[in-house]
PDB file of N, CA and C in Angstrom:
ATOM      1  N   MET A   1      -3.597  10.063  19.236  1.00  0.00           N
ATOM      2  CA  MET A   1      -4.963   9.643  18.576  1.00  0.00           C
ATOM      3  C   MET A   1      -5.987   9.633  19.565  1.00  0.00           C
ATOM      4  N   ASN A   2      -6.984  10.464  19.502  1.00  0.00           N
ATOM      5  CA  ASN A   2      -8.037  10.627  20.395  1.00  0.00           C
ATOM      6  C   ASN A   2      -9.316  10.012  19.977  1.00  0.00           C
ATOM      7  N   GLY A   3     -10.181   9.389  20.853  1.00  0.00           N
ATOM      8  CA  GLY A   3     -11.214   8.753  20.429  1.00  0.00           C
ATOM      9  C   GLY A   3     -11.082   7.256  20.489  1.00  0.00           C
ATOM     10  N   THR A   4     -12.222   6.492  20.113  1.00  0.00           N
ATOM     11  CA  THR A   4     -12.201   5.163  20.135  1.00  0.00           C
ATOM     12  C   THR A   4     -11.811   4.576  18.639  1.00  0.00           C
ATOM     13  N   PHE A   5     -10.828   3.707  18.537  1.00  0.00           N
ATOM     14  CA  PHE A   5     -10.559   3.192  17.293  1.00  0.00           C
ATOM     15  C   PHE A   5     -10.812   1.657  17.187  1.00  0.00           C
ATOM     16  N   VAL A   6     -11.049   1.197  16.120  1.00  0.00           N
ATOM     17  CA  VAL A   6     -11.252  -0.381  15.951  1.00  0.00           C
ATOM     18  C   VAL A   6     -10.355  -0.826  14.747  1.00  0.00           C
ATOM     19  N   THR A   7     -10.009  -2.182  14.929  1.00  0.00           N
ATOM     20  CA  THR A   7      -9.066  -2.752  14.019  1.00  0.00           C
ATOM     21  C   THR A   7      -9.859  -2.902  12.701  1.00  0.00           C
ATOM     22  N   ILE A   8      -9.105  -3.348  11.639  1.00  0.00           N
ATOM     23  CA  ILE A   8      -9.687  -3.473  10.281  1.00  0.00           C
ATOM     24  C   ILE A   8     -10.545  -4.701  10.258  1.00  0.00           C
ATOM     25  N   LYS A   9     -10.289  -5.694  11.150  1.00  0.00           N
ATOM     26  CA  LYS A   9     -11.161  -6.955  11.340  1.00  0.00           C
ATOM     27  C   LYS A   9     -12.491  -6.402  11.824  1.00  0.00           C
ATOM     28  N   GLU A  10     -12.505  -5.762  12.970  1.00  0.00           N
ATOM     29  CA  GLU A  10     -13.603  -5.388  13.670  1.00  0.00           C
ATOM     30  C   GLU A  10     -14.560  -4.401  12.698  1.00  0.00           C
ATOM     31  N   ALA A  11     -13.746  -3.514  11.916  1.00  0.00           N
ATOM     32  CA  ALA A  11     -14.543  -2.682  11.050  1.00  0.00           C
ATOM     33  C   ALA A  11     -15.202  -3.429   9.892  1.00  0.00           C
ATOM     34  N   SER A  12     -14.553  -4.512   9.464  1.00  0.00           N
ATOM     35  CA  SER A  12     -15.136  -5.171   8.355  1.00  0.00           C
ATOM     36  C   SER A  12     -16.475  -5.969   8.800  1.00  0.00           C
ATOM     37  N   GLU A  13     -16.247  -6.480   9.970  1.00  0.00           N
ATOM     38  CA  GLU A  13     -17.494  -7.135  10.582  1.00  0.00           C
ATOM     39  C   GLU A  13     -18.620  -6.214  10.894  1.00  0.00           C
ATOM     40  N   MET A  14     -18.268  -4.962  11.370  1.00  0.00           N
ATOM     41  CA  MET A  14     -19.354  -3.992  11.602  1.00  0.00           C
ATOM     42  C   MET A  14     -20.078  -3.626  10.336  1.00  0.00           C
ATOM     43  N   LEU A  15     -19.374  -3.440   9.245  1.00  0.00           N
ATOM     44  CA  LEU A  15     -19.830  -2.985   8.049  1.00  0.00           C
ATOM     45  C   LEU A  15     -20.281  -4.066   7.071  1.00  0.00           C
ATOM     46  N   GLY A  16     -20.090  -5.240   7.332  1.00  0.00           N
ATOM     47  CA  GLY A  16     -20.377  -6.378   6.387  1.00  0.00           C
ATOM     48  C   GLY A  16     -19.511  -6.376   5.185  1.00  0.00           C
ATOM     49  N   VAL A  17     -18.326  -5.885   5.054  1.00  0.00           N
ATOM     50  CA  VAL A  17     -17.563  -5.839   3.865  1.00  0.00           C
ATOM     51  C   VAL A  17     -16.359  -6.565   4.193  1.00  0.00           C
ATOM     52  N   SER A  18     -15.544  -6.954   3.141  1.00  0.00           N
ATOM     53  CA  SER A  18     -14.174  -7.560   3.343  1.00  0.00           C
ATOM     54  C   SER A  18     -13.159  -6.521   3.820  1.00  0.00           C
ATOM     55  N   LYS A  19     -12.163  -7.040   4.446  1.00  0.00           N
ATOM     56  CA  LYS A  19     -10.949  -6.123   4.792  1.00  0.00           C
ATOM     57  C   LYS A  19     -10.412  -5.539   3.496  1.00  0.00           C
ATOM     58  N   LEU A  20     -10.446  -6.307   2.335  1.00  0.00           N
ATOM     59  CA  LEU A  20      -9.818  -5.626   1.140  1.00  0.00           C
ATOM     60  C   LEU A  20     -10.662  -4.428   0.635  1.00  0.00           C
ATOM     61  N   THR A  21     -11.909  -4.572   0.940  1.00  0.00           N
ATOM     62  CA  THR A  21     -12.832  -3.423   0.457  1.00  0.00           C
ATOM     63  C   THR A  21     -12.402  -2.207   1.338  1.00  0.00           C
ATOM     64  N   LEU A  22     -12.245  -2.455   2.587  1.00  0.00           N
ATOM     65  CA  LEU A  22     -11.827  -1.325   3.625  1.00  0.00           C
ATOM     66  C   LEU A  22     -10.546  -0.713   3.145  1.00  0.00           C
ATOM     67  N   ARG A  23      -9.609  -1.501   2.694  1.00  0.00           N
ATOM     68  CA  ARG A  23      -8.268  -1.065   2.237  1.00  0.00           C
ATOM     69  C   ARG A  23      -8.469  -0.145   0.942  1.00  0.00           C
ATOM     70  N   ASN A  24      -9.329  -0.686   0.144  1.00  0.00           N
ATOM     71  CA  ASN A  24      -9.656   0.008  -1.075  1.00  0.00           C
ATOM     72  C   ASN A  24     -10.276   1.359  -0.894  1.00  0.00           C
ATOM     73  N   TRP A  25     -11.228   1.388   0.117  1.00  0.00           N
ATOM     74  CA  TRP A  25     -11.904   2.644   0.482  1.00  0.00           C
ATOM     75  C   TRP A  25     -10.932   3.661   0.887  1.00  0.00           C
ATOM     76  N   ASP A  26      -9.903   3.150   1.752  1.00  0.00           N
ATOM     77  CA  ASP A  26      -8.876   3.973   2.344  1.00  0.00           C
ATOM     78  C   ASP A  26      -7.985   4.612   1.367  1.00  0.00           C
ATOM     79  N   ASN A  27      -7.554   3.704   0.338  1.00  0.00           N
ATOM     80  CA  ASN A  27      -6.796   4.197  -0.831  1.00  0.00           C
ATOM     81  C   ASN A  27      -7.482   5.201  -1.637  1.00  0.00           C
ATOM     82  N   SER A  28      -8.722   5.095  -1.830  1.00  0.00           N
ATOM     83  CA  SER A  28      -9.552   6.039  -2.595  1.00  0.00           C
ATOM     84  C   SER A  28     -10.133   7.199  -1.887  1.00  0.00           C
ATOM     85  N   GLY A  29      -9.826   7.164  -0.575  1.00  0.00           N
ATOM     86  CA  GLY A  29     -10.390   8.338   0.213  1.00  0.00           C
ATOM     87  C   GLY A  29     -11.854   8.210   0.631  1.00  0.00           C
ATOM     88  N   LYS A  30     -12.535   7.050   0.387  1.00  0.00           N
ATOM     89  CA  LYS A  30     -13.857   7.080   0.678  1.00  0.00           C
ATOM     90  C   LYS A  30     -14.151   6.869   2.191  1.00  0.00           C
ATOM     91  N   LEU A  31     -13.092   6.257   2.908  1.00  0.00           N
ATOM     92  CA  LEU A  31     -13.118   6.039   4.392  1.00  0.00           C
ATOM     93  C   LEU A  31     -11.742   6.212   4.808  1.00  0.00           C
ATOM     94  N   SER A  32     -11.542   7.260   5.837  1.00  0.00           N
ATOM     95  CA  SER A  32     -10.164   7.493   6.238  1.00  0.00           C
ATOM     96  C   SER A  32      -9.766   6.422   7.243  1.00  0.00           C
ATOM     97  N   ALA A  33      -8.529   5.992   7.061  1.00  0.00           N
ATOM     98  CA  ALA A  33      -7.955   4.897   8.056  1.00  0.00           C
ATOM     99  C   ALA A  33      -6.769   5.763   8.776  1.00  0.00           C
ATOM    100  N   TYR A  34      -6.414   5.388  10.097  1.00  0.00           N
ATOM    101  CA  TYR A  34      -5.382   5.896  10.687  1.00  0.00           C
ATOM    102  C   TYR A  34      -4.409   4.696  10.881  1.00  0.00           C
ATOM    103  N   ARG A  35      -3.206   5.080  11.346  1.00  0.00           N
ATOM    104  CA  ARG A  35      -2.243   4.012  11.552  1.00  0.00           C
ATOM    105  C   ARG A  35      -1.921   3.930  12.965  1.00  0.00           C
ATOM    106  N   HIS A  36      -1.949   2.737  13.419  1.00  0.00           N
ATOM    107  CA  HIS A  36      -1.371   2.484  14.911  1.00  0.00           C
ATOM    108  C   HIS A  36      -0.134   2.937  15.085  1.00  0.00           C
ATOM    109  N   PRO A  37       0.226   3.671  16.074  1.00  0.00           N
ATOM    110  CA  PRO A  37       1.562   4.226  16.406  1.00  0.00           C
ATOM    111  C   PRO A  37       2.693   3.188  16.523  1.00  0.00           C
ATOM    112  N   ILE A  38       2.321   1.988  16.999  1.00  0.00           N
ATOM    113  CA  ILE A  38       3.341   1.032  17.164  1.00  0.00           C
ATOM    114  C   ILE A  38       3.436  -0.011  16.047  1.00  0.00           C
ATOM    115  N   SER A  39       2.197  -0.580  15.625  1.00  0.00           N
ATOM    116  CA  SER A  39       2.240  -1.628  14.665  1.00  0.00           C
ATOM    117  C   SER A  39       2.145  -1.149  13.233  1.00  0.00           C
ATOM    118  N   ASN A  40       1.748   0.214  13.085  1.00  0.00           N
ATOM    119  CA  ASN A  40       1.504   0.702  11.833  1.00  0.00           C
ATOM    120  C   ASN A  40       0.159  -0.052  11.061  1.00  0.00           C
ATOM    121  N   TYR A  41      -0.609  -0.660  11.740  1.00  0.00           N
ATOM    122  CA  TYR A  41      -1.705  -1.298  11.197  1.00  0.00           C
ATOM    123  C   TYR A  41      -2.898  -0.260  10.983  1.00  0.00           C
ATOM    124  N   ARG A  42      -3.740  -0.456  10.112  1.00  0.00           N
ATOM    125  CA  ARG A  42      -4.751   0.585   9.843  1.00  0.00           C
ATOM    126  C   ARG A  42      -5.743   0.229  10.999  1.00  0.00           C
ATOM    127  N   VAL A  43      -6.280   1.444  11.367  1.00  0.00           N
ATOM    128  CA  VAL A  43      -7.358   1.494  12.468  1.00  0.00           C
ATOM    129  C   VAL A  43      -8.284   2.561  12.007  1.00  0.00           C
ATOM    130  N   TYR A  44      -9.656   2.264  12.427  1.00  0.00           N
ATOM    131  CA  TYR A  44     -10.589   3.154  12.009  1.00  0.00           C
ATOM    132  C   TYR A  44     -11.305   3.899  13.171  1.00  0.00           C
ATOM    133  N   LYS A  45     -11.815   5.128  13.100  1.00  0.00           N
ATOM    134  CA  LYS A  45     -12.537   5.784  14.096  1.00  0.00           C
ATOM    135  C   LYS A  45     -13.889   5.199  14.217  1.00  0.00           C
ATOM    136  N   ARG A  46     -14.249   4.849  15.432  1.00  0.00           N
ATOM    137  CA  ARG A  46     -15.566   4.292  15.683  1.00  0.00           C
ATOM    138  C   ARG A  46     -16.677   5.284  15.225  1.00  0.00           C
ATOM    139  N   GLU A  47     -16.519   6.535  15.377  1.00  0.00           N
ATOM    140  CA  GLU A  47     -17.543   7.540  15.118  1.00  0.00           C
ATOM    141  C   GLU A  47     -17.737   7.589  13.553  1.00  0.00           C
ATOM    142  N   ALA A  48     -16.611   7.495  12.844  1.00  0.00           N
ATOM    143  CA  ALA A  48     -16.823   7.471  11.312  1.00  0.00           C
ATOM    144  C   ALA A  48     -17.479   6.094  10.892  1.00  0.00           C
ATOM    145  N   LEU A  49     -17.233   5.081  11.441  1.00  0.00           N
ATOM    146  CA  LEU A  49     -18.001   3.858  11.067  1.00  0.00           C
ATOM    147  C   LEU A  49     -19.419   3.905  11.442  1.00  0.00           C
ATOM    148  N   ASP A  50     -19.761   4.412  12.599  1.00  0.00           N
ATOM    149  CA  ASP A  50     -21.230   4.646  13.043  1.00  0.00           C
ATOM    150  C   ASP A  50     -21.862   5.546  12.098  1.00  0.00           C
ATOM    151  N   ALA A  51     -21.196   6.592  11.666  1.00  0.00           N
ATOM    152  CA  ALA A  51     -21.812   7.546  10.721  1.00  0.00           C
ATOM    153  C   ALA A  51     -22.120   6.894   9.361  1.00  0.00           C
ATOM    154  N   LEU A  52     -21.189   6.043   8.896  1.00  0.00           N
ATOM    155  CA  LEU A  52     -21.184   5.336   7.542  1.00  0.00           C
ATOM    156  C   LEU A  52     -22.340   4.325   7.686  1.00  0.00           C
ATOM    157  N   ILE A  53     -22.409   3.667   8.779  1.00  0.00           N
ATOM    158  CA  ILE A  53     -23.513   2.676   9.101  1.00  0.00           C
ATOM    159  C   ILE A  53     -24.792   3.293   8.956  1.00  0.00           C
ATOM    160  N   ALA A  54     -25.040   4.377   9.687  1.00  0.00           N
ATOM    161  CA  ALA A  54     -26.184   5.196   9.724  1.00  0.00           C
ATOM    162  C   ALA A  54     -26.605   5.663   8.181  1.00  0.00           C
ATOM    163  N   LYS A  55     -25.606   6.037   7.403  1.00  0.00           N
ATOM    164  CA  LYS A  55     -25.817   6.476   6.079  1.00  0.00           C
ATOM    165  C   LYS A  55     -26.258   5.385   5.239  1.00  0.00           C
ATOM    166  N   MET A  56     -25.746   4.203   5.423  1.00  0.00           N
ATOM    167  CA  MET A  56     -26.121   2.941   4.620  1.00  0.00           C
ATOM    168  C   MET A  56     -27.503   2.537   5.046  1.00  0.00           C
ATOM    169  N   GLU A  57     -27.767   2.594   6.333  1.00  0.00           N
ATOM    170  CA  GLU A  57     -29.118   2.141   6.683  1.00  0.00           C
ATOM    171  C   GLU A  57     -30.142   3.091   6.374  1.00  0.00           C
ATOM    172  N   SER A  58     -29.904   4.423   6.181  1.00  0.00           N
ATOM    173  CA  SER A  58     -30.803   5.361   5.723  1.00  0.00           C
ATOM    174  C   SER A  58     -31.327   5.206   4.347  1.00  0.00           C
ATOM    175  N   GLY A  59     -30.588   4.279   3.562  1.00  0.00           N
ATOM    176  CA  GLY A  59     -30.956   4.139   2.157  1.00  0.00           C
ATOM    177  C   GLY A  59     -30.243   5.132   1.259  1.00  0.00           C
ATOM    178  N   ALA A  60     -29.274   5.624   1.752  1.00  0.00           N
ATOM    179  CA  ALA A  60     -28.316   6.650   0.939  1.00  0.00           C
ATOM    180  C   ALA A  60     -27.713   5.763  -0.197  1.00  0.00           C
ATOM    181  N   ARG A  61     -27.249   6.379  -1.169  1.00  0.00           N
ATOM    182  CA  ARG A  61     -26.574   5.730  -2.225  1.00  0.00           C
ATOM    183  C   ARG A  61     -25.270   5.002  -1.681  1.00  0.00           C
ATOM    184  N   PRO A  62     -25.122   3.715  -2.052  1.00  0.00           N
ATOM    185  CA  PRO A  62     -23.943   3.059  -1.568  1.00  0.00           C
ATOM    186  C   PRO A  62     -22.698   3.615  -2.120  1.00  0.00           C
ATOM    187  N   ILE A  63     -21.631   3.437  -1.421  1.00  0.00           N
ATOM    188  CA  ILE A  63     -20.253   4.050  -1.826  1.00  0.00           C
ATOM    189  C   ILE A  63     -19.805   3.061  -2.924  1.00  0.00           C
ATOM    190  N   ARG A  64     -19.717   3.731  -4.050  1.00  0.00           N
ATOM    191  CA  ARG A  64     -19.271   2.875  -5.291  1.00  0.00           C
ATOM    192  C   ARG A  64     -18.399   3.901  -6.091  1.00  0.00           C
ATOM    193  N   GLU A  65     -17.522   3.458  -6.801  1.00  0.00           N
ATOM    194  CA  GLU A  65     -16.633   4.013  -7.677  1.00  0.00           C
ATOM    195  C   GLU A  65     -17.519   4.605  -8.996  1.00  0.00           C
ATOM    196  N   ASP A  66     -17.222   5.840  -9.259  1.00  0.00           N
ATOM    197  CA  ASP A  66     -17.929   6.312 -10.519  1.00  0.00           C
ATOM    198  C   ASP A  66     -17.416   5.542 -11.833  1.00  0.00           C
ATOM    199  N   LYS A  67     -18.391   4.848 -12.246  1.00  0.00           N
ATOM    200  CA  LYS A  67     -17.952   4.153 -13.561  1.00  0.00           C
ATOM    201  C   LYS A  67     -18.415   4.680 -14.814  1.00  0.00           C
ATOM    202  N   SER A  68     -18.933   5.904 -14.753  1.00  0.00           N
ATOM    203  CA  SER A  68     -19.470   6.622 -15.918  1.00  0.00           C
ATOM    204  C   SER A  68     -18.574   7.194 -16.786  1.00  0.00           C
ATOM    205  N   ARG A  69     -17.370   7.379 -16.301  1.00  0.00           N
ATOM    206  CA  ARG A  69     -16.224   8.108 -17.163  1.00  0.00           C
ATOM    207  C   ARG A  69     -15.867   6.965 -18.239  1.00  0.00           C
ATOM    208  N   VAL A  70     -15.411   7.526 -19.499  1.00  0.00           N
ATOM    209  CA  VAL A  70     -15.098   6.723 -20.506  1.00  0.00           C
ATOM    210  C   VAL A  70     -13.541   6.504 -20.270  1.00  0.00           C
ATOM    211  N   ARG A  71     -13.207   5.242 -20.572  1.00  0.00           N
ATOM    212  CA  ARG A  71     -11.836   4.740 -20.482  1.00  0.00           C
ATOM    213  C   ARG A  71     -11.423   4.309 -21.876  1.00  0.00           C
ATOM    214  N   LYS A  72     -10.227   4.573 -22.356  1.00  0.00           N
ATOM    215  CA  LYS A  72      -9.613   3.897 -23.514  1.00  0.00           C
ATOM    216  C   LYS A  72      -8.430   3.065 -23.353  1.00  0.00           C
ATOM    217  N   LEU A  73      -8.449   2.092 -24.195  1.00  0.00           N
ATOM    218  CA  LEU A  73      -7.475   0.980 -24.107  1.00  0.00           C
ATOM    219  C   LEU A  73      -6.533   1.228 -25.375  1.00  0.00           C
ATOM    220  N   VAL A  74      -5.347   1.579 -25.189  1.00  0.00           N
ATOM    221  CA  VAL A  74      -4.356   1.631 -26.293  1.00  0.00           C
ATOM    222  C   VAL A  74      -3.580   0.398 -26.441  1.00  0.00           C
ATOM    223  N   VAL A  75      -3.703  -0.075 -27.708  1.00  0.00           N
ATOM    224  CA  VAL A  75      -3.007  -1.480 -27.898  1.00  0.00           C
ATOM    225  C   VAL A  75      -1.937  -1.196 -28.927  1.00  0.00           C
ATOM    226  N   LYS A  76      -0.828  -1.561 -28.708  1.00  0.00           N
ATOM    227  CA  LYS A  76       0.310  -1.379 -29.766  1.00  0.00           C
ATOM    228  C   LYS A  76       0.694  -2.933 -30.213  1.00  0.00           C
ATOM    229  N   GLN A  77       0.806  -3.040 -31.520  1.00  0.00           N
ATOM    230  CA  GLN A  77       1.254  -4.289 -32.090  1.00  0.00           C
ATOM    231  C   GLN A  77       2.878  -4.110 -32.291  1.00  0.00           C
ATOM    232  N   LEU A  78       3.491  -5.114 -31.704  1.00  0.00           N
ATOM    233  CA  LEU A  78       4.910  -5.121 -31.930  1.00  0.00           C
ATOM    234  C   LEU A  78       5.268  -6.015 -33.081  1.00  0.00           C
ATOM    235  N   ASP A  79       6.216  -5.412 -33.929  1.00  0.00           N
ATOM    236  CA  ASP A  79       6.758  -6.075 -35.087  1.00  0.00           C
ATOM    237  C   ASP A  79       7.715  -7.206 -34.675  1.00  0.00           C
ATOM    238  N   ASP A  80       7.683  -8.427 -35.261  1.00  0.00           N
ATOM    239  CA  ASP A  80       8.691  -9.452 -34.863  1.00  0.00           C
ATOM    240  C   ASP A  80      10.049  -9.158 -35.489  1.00  0.00           C
TER     241      ASP A  80
END
């Protein structure tokens, strides 16, 4: 792993979001996390965080999940 890495706690403080938000961004592919080779904890590249901070400060659209798609809920009634 080359470059400077920060812990999930440091990244959450830098971005002003919760650690859970960072985990969700990692799971959805919005912000890549790497794994520490010994502890297997998530770590984030400092350069990627700096780029995201610059994007957020420039007034770019915030990172949000696309909620415009239609979802259907299927409900089945079970007979007694």
